[in-house]
Amino acid sequence: MSARRERIQGLALLAPSALALGAVSLYPLGYAVWLSLERRILVFGEERFIGLSNFLDVEVAESRVYLRGARDAGPVTAAVPPHASGKPPALACRPGEIELVPAGGVRGVVDRRVLLGDIIDYRVKVGPTEVRVQRNVRKPVFKEGDPCGLQFRALHWYDESGARVTA
């Protein structure tokens, strides 16, 4: 038997166990990654894709950035990166990169609060926009309906192709 034929036969014998091993180890890993991008609360029957960031619909007026439809809530403190078209790049901020404060920042109201172990997951309404904020339980707790301010610690801009834009 030739060396090439033996190699092919060896791969053919190895394939079923490699597929089984892949299914047993890679599928759960991929599924865990997918679940980390979703919000699931079985008690409330809530299941939706949230991704890694809050993508914020913004508008620029007088060289300031506002959440769309919520100009009276105050500006998001961010420099607008240069852009070619009249439409600004998309703005994103991870839930853990937003500070929830009693006063100052972009004004909103706590719409929902869910305890997730040692993190509280907030949904804050700012005009028509809902912003997701995650905080450690050791920080002061806001209740549903409480007014609050959002201070964005890190903002990420993306152009229409999805490439990161720097200010």
Protein backbone atom coordinates (compact mmCIF):
# COMPACT_ATOMS: atom_id res chain seq x y z
CA MET A 1 0.00 0.00 0.00
CA SER A 2 1.38 3.42 -0.92
CA ALA A 3 2.08 6.15 1.64
CA ARG A 4 -0.54 8.42 0.05
CA ARG A 5 -3.21 5.74 0.26
CA GLU A 6 -2.33 5.03 3.92
CA ARG A 7 -2.60 8.74 4.73
CA ILE A 8 -6.05 8.95 3.11
CA GLN A 9 -7.21 5.82 4.91
CA GLY A 10 -5.91 7.18 8.24
CA LEU A 11 -7.79 10.46 7.73
CA ALA A 12 -10.95 8.56 6.80
CA LEU A 13 -10.72 6.55 10.03
CA LEU A 14 -9.97 9.67 12.07
CA ALA A 15 -12.80 11.82 10.61
CA PRO A 16 -15.76 10.38 12.61
CA SER A 17 -14.03 10.81 15.97
CA ALA A 18 -12.80 14.32 15.00
CA LEU A 19 -16.35 15.32 14.06
CA ALA A 20 -17.74 13.92 17.31
CA LEU A 21 -15.06 15.69 19.35
CA GLY A 22 -15.75 18.94 17.49
CA ALA A 23 -19.49 18.66 18.12
CA VAL A 24 -18.98 17.91 21.80
CA SER A 25 -16.47 20.72 22.44
CA LEU A 26 -16.84 23.44 19.78
CA TYR A 27 -20.65 23.62 19.64
CA PRO A 28 -21.08 24.45 23.36
CA LEU A 29 -18.29 27.02 23.12
CA GLY A 30 -19.95 28.72 20.13
CA TYR A 31 -23.34 28.57 21.82
CA ALA A 32 -21.91 30.19 24.97
CA VAL A 33 -20.54 33.04 22.86
CA TRP A 34 -23.94 33.47 21.21
CA LEU A 35 -25.72 33.50 24.58
CA SER A 36 -23.35 36.18 25.83
CA LEU A 37 -24.67 38.43 23.06
CA GLU A 38 -28.30 37.96 24.07
CA ARG A 39 -30.43 39.06 26.97
CA ARG A 40 -32.49 36.20 28.36
CA ILE A 41 -34.66 36.41 31.42
CA LEU A 42 -36.64 33.20 31.62
CA VAL A 43 -38.97 34.42 34.36
CA PHE A 44 -40.17 37.35 32.22
CA GLY A 45 -39.95 35.46 28.91
CA GLU A 46 -37.55 38.09 27.57
CA GLU A 47 -35.15 37.00 24.86
CA ARG A 48 -33.44 39.43 22.49
CA PHE A 49 -30.11 40.11 20.83
CA ILE A 50 -28.14 42.91 22.53
CA GLY A 51 -24.63 42.54 21.10
CA LEU A 52 -21.60 44.00 22.79
CA SER A 53 -22.62 47.61 22.77
CA ASN A 54 -25.38 50.13 22.97
CA PHE A 55 -25.52 51.59 19.49
CA LEU A 56 -26.87 55.07 20.00
CA ASP A 57 -28.85 56.99 17.40
CA VAL A 58 -27.35 60.47 17.58
CA GLU A 59 -27.74 63.84 15.95
CA VAL A 60 -25.25 66.69 15.78
CA ALA A 61 -26.36 70.26 16.41
CA GLU A 62 -24.18 73.29 17.15
CA SER A 63 -21.05 71.07 17.29
CA ARG A 64 -22.58 68.96 20.06
CA VAL A 65 -23.77 65.37 20.00
CA TYR A 66 -27.27 64.55 21.29
CA LEU A 67 -29.27 61.35 21.47
CA ARG A 68 -31.81 61.59 18.63
CA GLY A 69 -35.09 63.05 19.82
CA ALA A 70 -33.69 63.90 23.25
CA ARG A 71 -31.91 67.21 22.78
CA ASP A 72 -33.51 68.57 25.98
CA ALA A 73 -31.82 65.74 27.98
CA GLY A 74 -28.43 67.36 27.39
CA PRO A 75 -25.49 66.65 25.12
CA VAL A 76 -23.43 63.49 25.11
CA THR A 77 -19.95 64.74 25.93
CA ALA A 78 -18.06 63.57 22.85
CA ALA A 79 -16.06 65.10 20.06
CA VAL A 80 -17.51 64.26 16.67
CA PRO A 81 -14.89 62.62 14.46
CA PRO A 82 -14.52 64.01 10.94
CA HIS A 83 -16.93 62.46 8.48
CA ALA A 84 -17.50 62.94 4.77
CA SER A 85 -21.28 62.84 4.53
CA GLY A 86 -23.78 64.94 6.46
CA LYS A 87 -24.62 61.91 8.60
CA PRO A 88 -22.33 61.42 11.61
CA PRO A 89 -20.75 58.01 12.22
CA ALA A 90 -22.58 55.54 14.44
CA LEU A 91 -21.89 55.88 18.15
CA ALA A 92 -21.60 52.91 20.50
CA CYS A 93 -20.91 52.56 24.21
CA ARG A 94 -20.67 49.34 26.20
CA PRO A 95 -23.11 49.07 29.14
CA GLY A 96 -20.25 48.92 31.66
CA GLU A 97 -18.69 52.13 30.29
CA ILE A 98 -21.61 54.33 31.33
CA GLU A 99 -21.84 55.85 34.80
CA LEU A 100 -25.29 56.22 36.33
CA VAL A 101 -25.27 59.37 38.50
CA PRO A 102 -27.96 61.18 40.52
CA ALA A 103 -27.30 64.53 38.79
CA GLY A 104 -25.44 65.75 35.71
CA GLY A 105 -24.76 64.07 32.41
CA VAL A 106 -27.49 63.15 29.96
CA ARG A 107 -30.78 63.14 31.86
CA GLY A 108 -33.01 60.07 31.76
CA VAL A 109 -35.34 57.88 33.83
CA VAL A 110 -34.71 54.30 34.98
CA ASP A 111 -37.22 52.19 33.06
CA ARG A 112 -36.14 48.74 34.23
CA ARG A 113 -33.73 47.21 36.73
CA VAL A 114 -32.66 43.56 36.90
CA LEU A 115 -30.21 42.00 39.36
CA LEU A 116 -27.72 39.70 37.58
CA GLY A 117 -25.55 38.28 40.37
CA ASP A 118 -23.16 41.05 41.40
CA ILE A 119 -24.28 43.37 38.56
CA ILE A 120 -27.45 45.40 38.16
CA ASP A 121 -28.61 45.75 34.56
CA TYR A 122 -30.52 49.02 34.02
CA ARG A 123 -32.60 50.20 31.06
CA VAL A 124 -32.65 53.99 31.08
CA LYS A 125 -35.07 55.93 28.87
CA VAL A 126 -33.64 59.12 27.39
CA GLY A 127 -36.41 60.53 25.22
CA PRO A 128 -37.34 57.79 22.74
CA THR A 129 -33.97 56.03 23.23
CA GLU A 130 -33.36 53.18 25.66
CA VAL A 131 -29.79 52.93 26.95
CA ARG A 132 -28.48 49.83 28.73
CA VAL A 133 -26.24 50.42 31.76
CA GLN A 134 -24.55 47.83 33.99
CA ARG A 135 -23.35 48.67 37.49
CA ASN A 136 -21.81 46.85 40.38
CA VAL A 137 -24.31 46.23 43.19
CA ARG A 138 -22.03 47.99 45.70
CA LYS A 139 -22.71 51.37 44.08
CA PRO A 140 -25.85 53.35 44.99
CA VAL A 141 -28.95 51.68 43.63
CA PHE A 142 -31.55 53.43 41.49
CA LYS A 143 -35.15 52.23 41.45
CA GLU A 144 -37.48 52.01 38.47
CA GLY A 145 -38.89 55.47 37.77
CA ASP A 146 -35.95 57.32 39.40
CA PRO A 147 -34.47 60.23 37.44
CA CYS A 148 -30.76 59.83 36.75
CA GLY A 149 -27.90 61.10 34.64
CA LEU A 150 -25.70 59.15 32.23
CA GLN A 151 -22.00 59.92 31.95
CA PHE A 152 -20.29 58.14 29.08
CA ARG A 153 -16.73 57.13 29.99
CA ALA A 154 -15.75 55.60 26.64
CA LEU A 155 -17.43 56.19 23.30
CA HIS A 156 -16.75 54.27 20.12
CA TRP A 157 -17.48 55.72 16.66
CA TYR A 158 -18.04 53.56 13.55
CA ASP A 159 -18.46 54.60 9.93
CA GLU A 160 -21.06 53.16 7.52
CA SER A 161 -18.77 50.23 6.61
CA GLY A 162 -18.41 49.28 10.28
CA ALA A 163 -14.80 50.45 10.60
CA ARG A 164 -13.78 52.20 13.82
CA VAL A 165 -13.35 55.96 13.49
CA THR A 166 -11.12 57.98 15.83
CA ALA A 167 -11.92 61.55 16.86
